[in-house]
C-alpha atoms as a PDB file:
ATOM      1  CA  MET A   1      -0.897  -5.798 -58.153  1.00  0.00           C
ATOM      2  CA  LYS A   2      -4.260  -7.501 -57.868  1.00  0.00           C
ATOM      3  CA  PRO A   3      -4.847 -11.233 -57.839  1.00  0.00           C
ATOM      4  CA  GLN A   4      -6.986 -12.421 -60.729  1.00  0.00           C
ATOM      5  CA  SER A   5      -6.235  -9.222 -62.667  1.00  0.00           C
ATOM      6  CA  ASN A   6      -6.373  -9.404 -66.421  1.00  0.00           C
ATOM      7  CA  ARG A   7      -2.650 -10.094 -66.702  1.00  0.00           C
ATOM      8  CA  LEU A   8      -1.773 -12.003 -63.507  1.00  0.00           C
ATOM      9  CA  LYS A   9      -3.771 -15.003 -62.376  1.00  0.00           C
ATOM     10  CA  ILE A  10      -3.339 -17.371 -59.450  1.00  0.00           C
ATOM     11  CA  VAL A  11      -5.075 -20.703 -59.899  1.00  0.00           C
ATOM     12  CA  VAL A  12      -5.131 -24.177 -58.391  1.00  0.00           C
ATOM     13  CA  GLY A  13      -4.858 -26.831 -61.040  1.00  0.00           C
ATOM     14  CA  ASP A  14      -2.806 -29.016 -63.305  1.00  0.00           C
ATOM     15  CA  ILE A  15      -0.294 -27.011 -65.332  1.00  0.00           C
ATOM     16  CA  THR A  16      -0.263 -29.706 -68.026  1.00  0.00           C
ATOM     17  CA  ASP A  17      -3.922 -28.940 -68.868  1.00  0.00           C
ATOM     18  CA  LEU A  18      -3.427 -25.241 -69.607  1.00  0.00           C
ATOM     19  CA  ASP A  19      -3.837 -23.946 -73.140  1.00  0.00           C
ATOM     20  CA  VAL A  20      -1.162 -21.241 -73.023  1.00  0.00           C
ATOM     21  CA  ASP A  21       1.789 -20.401 -75.249  1.00  0.00           C
ATOM     22  CA  ALA A  22       4.241 -21.855 -72.710  1.00  0.00           C
ATOM     23  CA  ILE A  23       4.304 -23.673 -69.422  1.00  0.00           C
ATOM     24  CA  VAL A  24       7.349 -23.599 -67.195  1.00  0.00           C
ATOM     25  CA  ASN A  25       8.784 -26.854 -65.941  1.00  0.00           C
ATOM     26  CA  ALA A  26      10.496 -26.929 -62.545  1.00  0.00           C
ATOM     27  CA  ALA A  27      13.130 -29.289 -63.907  1.00  0.00           C
ATOM     28  CA  ASN A  28      16.242 -30.952 -62.589  1.00  0.00           C
ATOM     29  CA  THR A  29      19.651 -30.287 -64.139  1.00  0.00           C
ATOM     30  CA  SER A  30      19.431 -33.281 -66.501  1.00  0.00           C
ATOM     31  CA  LEU A  31      16.121 -32.072 -68.027  1.00  0.00           C
ATOM     32  CA  LEU A  32      15.218 -35.741 -68.430  1.00  0.00           C
ATOM     33  CA  GLY A  33      12.227 -35.858 -66.102  1.00  0.00           C
ATOM     34  CA  GLY A  34      11.829 -36.518 -62.425  1.00  0.00           C
ATOM     35  CA  GLY A  35       9.159 -36.268 -59.778  1.00  0.00           C
ATOM     36  CA  GLY A  36       6.524 -33.653 -59.099  1.00  0.00           C
ATOM     37  CA  VAL A  37       5.619 -31.188 -61.832  1.00  0.00           C
ATOM     38  CA  ASP A  38       8.661 -32.267 -63.871  1.00  0.00           C
ATOM     39  CA  GLY A  39       7.462 -35.856 -64.097  1.00  0.00           C
ATOM     40  CA  ALA A  40       3.885 -34.769 -64.786  1.00  0.00           C
ATOM     41  CA  ILE A  41       4.985 -32.550 -67.676  1.00  0.00           C
ATOM     42  CA  HIS A  42       7.185 -35.261 -69.176  1.00  0.00           C
ATOM     43  CA  ARG A  43       4.370 -37.837 -68.923  1.00  0.00           C
ATOM     44  CA  ALA A  44       1.804 -35.504 -70.483  1.00  0.00           C
ATOM     45  CA  ALA A  45       4.114 -34.259 -73.252  1.00  0.00           C
ATOM     46  CA  GLY A  46       5.132 -37.769 -74.280  1.00  0.00           C
ATOM     47  CA  HIS A  47       8.389 -39.516 -75.095  1.00  0.00           C
ATOM     48  CA  GLU A  48       9.288 -36.898 -77.713  1.00  0.00           C
ATOM     49  CA  LEU A  49       9.994 -34.395 -74.936  1.00  0.00           C
ATOM     50  CA  TYR A  50      12.481 -36.767 -73.322  1.00  0.00           C
ATOM     51  CA  GLU A  51      14.203 -37.363 -76.672  1.00  0.00           C
ATOM     52  CA  PHE A  52      14.381 -33.622 -77.386  1.00  0.00           C
ATOM     53  CA  CYS A  53      15.730 -32.853 -73.891  1.00  0.00           C
ATOM     54  CA  LYS A  54      18.493 -35.452 -74.280  1.00  0.00           C
ATOM     55  CA  LYS A  55      19.998 -33.220 -76.980  1.00  0.00           C
ATOM     56  CA  LEU A  56      20.021 -30.080 -74.814  1.00  0.00           C
ATOM     57  CA  GLY A  57      22.901 -31.087 -72.551  1.00  0.00           C
ATOM     58  CA  GLY A  58      21.106 -30.301 -69.307  1.00  0.00           C
ATOM     59  CA  CYS A  59      20.557 -26.944 -67.650  1.00  0.00           C
ATOM     60  CA  LYS A  60      22.252 -25.090 -64.804  1.00  0.00           C
ATOM     61  CA  VAL A  61      20.419 -23.827 -61.720  1.00  0.00           C
ATOM     62  CA  GLY A  62      18.726 -20.501 -62.467  1.00  0.00           C
ATOM     63  CA  GLU A  63      18.930 -20.891 -66.233  1.00  0.00           C
ATOM     64  CA  ALA A  64      16.167 -21.795 -68.697  1.00  0.00           C
ATOM     65  CA  LYS A  65      15.799 -23.697 -71.973  1.00  0.00           C
ATOM     66  CA  ILE A  66      12.819 -24.050 -74.288  1.00  0.00           C
ATOM     67  CA  THR A  67      11.371 -27.073 -76.062  1.00  0.00           C
ATOM     68  CA  PRO A  68       8.221 -27.779 -78.036  1.00  0.00           C
ATOM     69  CA  GLY A  69       5.186 -28.824 -75.993  1.00  0.00           C
ATOM     70  CA  PHE A  70       4.625 -31.987 -78.044  1.00  0.00           C
ATOM     71  CA  ASN A  71       1.415 -33.615 -76.702  1.00  0.00           C
ATOM     72  CA  LEU A  72       0.617 -30.758 -74.300  1.00  0.00           C
ATOM     73  CA  PRO A  73      -1.938 -28.033 -75.055  1.00  0.00           C
ATOM     74  CA  ALA A  74       0.924 -25.538 -74.524  1.00  0.00           C
ATOM     75  CA  LYS A  75       3.039 -24.811 -77.595  1.00  0.00           C
ATOM     76  CA  HIS A  76       6.274 -24.675 -75.580  1.00  0.00           C
ATOM     77  CA  VAL A  77       7.798 -25.939 -72.360  1.00  0.00           C
ATOM     78  CA  ILE A  78      10.368 -23.711 -70.702  1.00  0.00           C
ATOM     79  CA  HIS A  79      12.577 -25.778 -68.423  1.00  0.00           C
ATOM     80  CA  THR A  80      14.223 -24.024 -65.501  1.00  0.00           C
ATOM     81  CA  VAL A  81      16.179 -25.503 -62.622  1.00  0.00           C
ATOM     82  CA  GLY A  82      15.362 -24.038 -59.243  1.00  0.00           C
ATOM     83  CA  PRO A  83      17.720 -24.023 -56.289  1.00  0.00           C
ATOM     84  CA  VAL A  84      17.598 -26.581 -53.511  1.00  0.00           C
ATOM     85  CA  TRP A  85      16.983 -24.757 -50.219  1.00  0.00           C
ATOM     86  CA  GLN A  86      20.096 -24.964 -48.042  1.00  0.00           C
ATOM     87  CA  GLY A  87      19.175 -22.504 -45.322  1.00  0.00           C
ATOM     88  CA  GLY A  88      19.176 -19.272 -47.311  1.00  0.00           C
ATOM     89  CA  ASN A  89      22.878 -18.482 -47.283  1.00  0.00           C
ATOM     90  CA  ARG A  90      23.795 -20.093 -50.618  1.00  0.00           C
ATOM     91  CA  ASN A  91      22.349 -17.438 -52.948  1.00  0.00           C
ATOM     92  CA  GLU A  92      19.052 -19.322 -53.155  1.00  0.00           C
ATOM     93  CA  ASP A  93      16.902 -16.172 -53.457  1.00  0.00           C
ATOM     94  CA  GLU A  94      18.883 -14.818 -56.411  1.00  0.00           C
ATOM     95  CA  LEU A  95      18.990 -18.222 -58.098  1.00  0.00           C
ATOM     96  CA  LEU A  96      15.213 -18.554 -57.788  1.00  0.00           C
ATOM     97  CA  ALA A  97      14.703 -15.018 -59.121  1.00  0.00           C
ATOM     98  CA  ASN A  98      16.936 -15.959 -62.060  1.00  0.00           C
ATOM     99  CA  CYS A  99      14.645 -18.898 -62.831  1.00  0.00           C
ATOM    100  CA  TYR A 100      11.795 -16.450 -63.424  1.00  0.00           C
ATOM    101  CA  ARG A 101      13.927 -13.815 -65.196  1.00  0.00           C
ATOM    102  CA  ASN A 102      15.528 -16.339 -67.547  1.00  0.00           C
ATOM    103  CA  SER A 103      12.226 -18.094 -68.202  1.00  0.00           C
ATOM    104  CA  PHE A 104      10.680 -14.771 -69.219  1.00  0.00           C
ATOM    105  CA  ALA A 105      13.702 -13.942 -71.411  1.00  0.00           C
ATOM    106  CA  VAL A 106      13.470 -17.278 -73.229  1.00  0.00           C
ATOM    107  CA  ALA A 107       9.688 -16.949 -73.521  1.00  0.00           C
ATOM    108  CA  LEU A 108       9.789 -13.447 -74.946  1.00  0.00           C
ATOM    109  CA  GLY A 109      12.477 -14.499 -77.407  1.00  0.00           C
ATOM    110  CA  ALA A 110      10.107 -17.190 -78.684  1.00  0.00           C
ATOM    111  CA  GLY A 111       7.161 -14.808 -79.020  1.00  0.00           C
ATOM    112  CA  VAL A 112       5.298 -16.192 -75.996  1.00  0.00           C
ATOM    113  CA  ARG A 113       2.409 -13.999 -74.840  1.00  0.00           C
ATOM    114  CA  THR A 114       0.779 -16.303 -72.276  1.00  0.00           C
ATOM    115  CA  ILE A 115       2.834 -18.281 -69.775  1.00  0.00           C
ATOM    116  CA  ALA A 116       2.153 -20.417 -66.714  1.00  0.00           C
ATOM    117  CA  PHE A 117       4.558 -21.088 -63.846  1.00  0.00           C
ATOM    118  CA  PRO A 118       4.461 -23.713 -61.115  1.00  0.00           C
ATOM    119  CA  ALA A 119       5.731 -22.770 -57.646  1.00  0.00           C
ATOM    120  CA  ILE A 120       9.381 -23.392 -58.522  1.00  0.00           C
ATOM    121  CA  SER A 121      11.538 -25.100 -55.854  1.00  0.00           C
ATOM    122  CA  THR A 122       8.716 -25.378 -53.290  1.00  0.00           C
ATOM    123  CA  GLY A 123       8.353 -29.156 -53.497  1.00  0.00           C
ATOM    124  CA  VAL A 124      11.217 -31.571 -52.920  1.00  0.00           C
ATOM    125  CA  TYR A 125      13.699 -28.657 -53.175  1.00  0.00           C
ATOM    126  CA  ARG A 126      12.156 -27.334 -49.904  1.00  0.00           C
ATOM    127  CA  PHE A 127      12.241 -23.586 -50.649  1.00  0.00           C
ATOM    128  CA  PRO A 128      10.105 -21.818 -47.984  1.00  0.00           C
ATOM    129  CA  HIS A 129       6.720 -21.133 -49.542  1.00  0.00           C
ATOM    130  CA  ASP A 130       6.314 -17.511 -48.387  1.00  0.00           C
ATOM    131  CA  ARG A 131       9.789 -16.600 -49.564  1.00  0.00           C
ATOM    132  CA  ALA A 132       9.326 -18.348 -52.925  1.00  0.00           C
ATOM    133  CA  ALA A 133       5.940 -16.662 -53.432  1.00  0.00           C
ATOM    134  CA  GLU A 134       7.375 -13.200 -52.757  1.00  0.00           C
ATOM    135  CA  ILE A 135      10.151 -13.780 -55.297  1.00  0.00           C
ATOM    136  CA  ALA A 136       7.752 -15.208 -57.889  1.00  0.00           C
ATOM    137  CA  LEU A 137       5.291 -12.339 -57.525  1.00  0.00           C
ATOM    138  CA  ARG A 138       8.049  -9.704 -57.670  1.00  0.00           C
ATOM    139  CA  GLU A 139       9.604 -11.185 -60.812  1.00  0.00           C
ATOM    140  CA  CYS A 140       6.269 -11.743 -62.550  1.00  0.00           C
ATOM    141  CA  GLN A 141       5.178  -8.190 -61.855  1.00  0.00           C
ATOM    142  CA  ALA A 142       8.531  -6.828 -63.092  1.00  0.00           C
ATOM    143  CA  ALA A 143       8.127  -8.782 -66.344  1.00  0.00           C
ATOM    144  CA  LEU A 144       4.534  -7.619 -66.796  1.00  0.00           C
ATOM    145  CA  ASP A 145       5.567  -4.001 -66.166  1.00  0.00           C
ATOM    146  CA  ALA A 146       8.486  -4.176 -68.597  1.00  0.00           C
ATOM    147  CA  HIS A 147       6.748  -6.153 -71.350  1.00  0.00           C
ATOM    148  CA  PRO A 148       3.250  -5.015 -72.306  1.00  0.00           C
ATOM    149  CA  GLU A 149       3.250  -7.740 -74.985  1.00  0.00           C
ATOM    150  CA  LEU A 150       2.853 -10.304 -72.185  1.00  0.00           C
ATOM    151  CA  GLN A 151      -0.875 -10.883 -72.134  1.00  0.00           C
ATOM    152  CA  CYS A 152      -1.146 -13.160 -69.121  1.00  0.00           C
ATOM    153  CA  VAL A 153       1.051 -14.772 -66.485  1.00  0.00           C
ATOM    154  CA  THR A 154      -0.588 -17.595 -64.554  1.00  0.00           C
ATOM    155  CA  LEU A 155       0.809 -18.904 -61.278  1.00  0.00           C
ATOM    156  CA  VAL A 156      -0.404 -22.479 -61.000  1.00  0.00           C
ATOM    157  CA  CYS A 157      -0.676 -23.942 -57.531  1.00  0.00           C
ATOM    158  CA  PHE A 158      -0.721 -27.639 -56.761  1.00  0.00           C
ATOM    159  CA  ASP A 159      -3.024 -27.039 -53.795  1.00  0.00           C
ATOM    160  CA  LYS A 160      -5.103 -24.423 -51.978  1.00  0.00           C
ATOM    161  CA  ALA A 161      -2.338 -23.891 -49.401  1.00  0.00           C
ATOM    162  CA  MET A 162       0.043 -22.512 -52.042  1.00  0.00           C
ATOM    163  CA  GLU A 163      -2.738 -20.405 -53.545  1.00  0.00           C
ATOM    164  CA  THR A 164      -3.340 -18.920 -50.087  1.00  0.00           C
ATOM    165  CA  THR A 165       0.375 -18.237 -49.719  1.00  0.00           C
ATOM    166  CA  TYR A 166       0.523 -16.342 -53.030  1.00  0.00           C
ATOM    167  CA  LYS A 167      -2.563 -14.305 -52.164  1.00  0.00           C
ATOM    168  CA  ARG A 168      -1.203 -13.518 -48.698  1.00  0.00           C
ATOM    169  CA  CYS A 169       2.033 -12.258 -50.259  1.00  0.00           C
ATOM    170  CA  LEU A 170       0.309 -10.020 -52.818  1.00  0.00           C
ATOM    171  CA  PRO A 171       0.048  -6.967 -50.503  1.00  0.00           C
ATOM    172  CA  LEU A 172       3.840  -7.143 -50.001  1.00  0.00           C
ATOM    173  CA  GLN A 173       4.495  -6.313 -53.635  1.00  0.00           C
END
């Protein structure tokens, strides 16, 4: 797997600015907005996203739900709830992998061909960055291998440090 290949990109930027079929929201279980990327997506999408999410009944850790993008350039928002890091002995790796797997399943079911992910659980949920990057890269590559209809998966980093982490983990895949 090569960084910046035609189908997998690693970029530093604002996920709410991307013109892709779907962006993934690192949401909380209520789906009603919060801090970090979740709050940024809710602010950029507008109040309609909040109203739509109220009807969804929340989301469990590792699962994913889809909504319209409303005021975002992206057509859809896929909300997934990452695990809070509790030392690594509470199934956190599998739960994080499920965030990616279930997000791809929901995306493909909606006809999504281009999708962008934030670094799920690496903010206030404290998932170790190297470990999260390895899981993200593994799951993204598995989806790309299994689904040629996926045109592009973009991993969006909040800062250069996370971009460096992803690129450092690439040879491990």
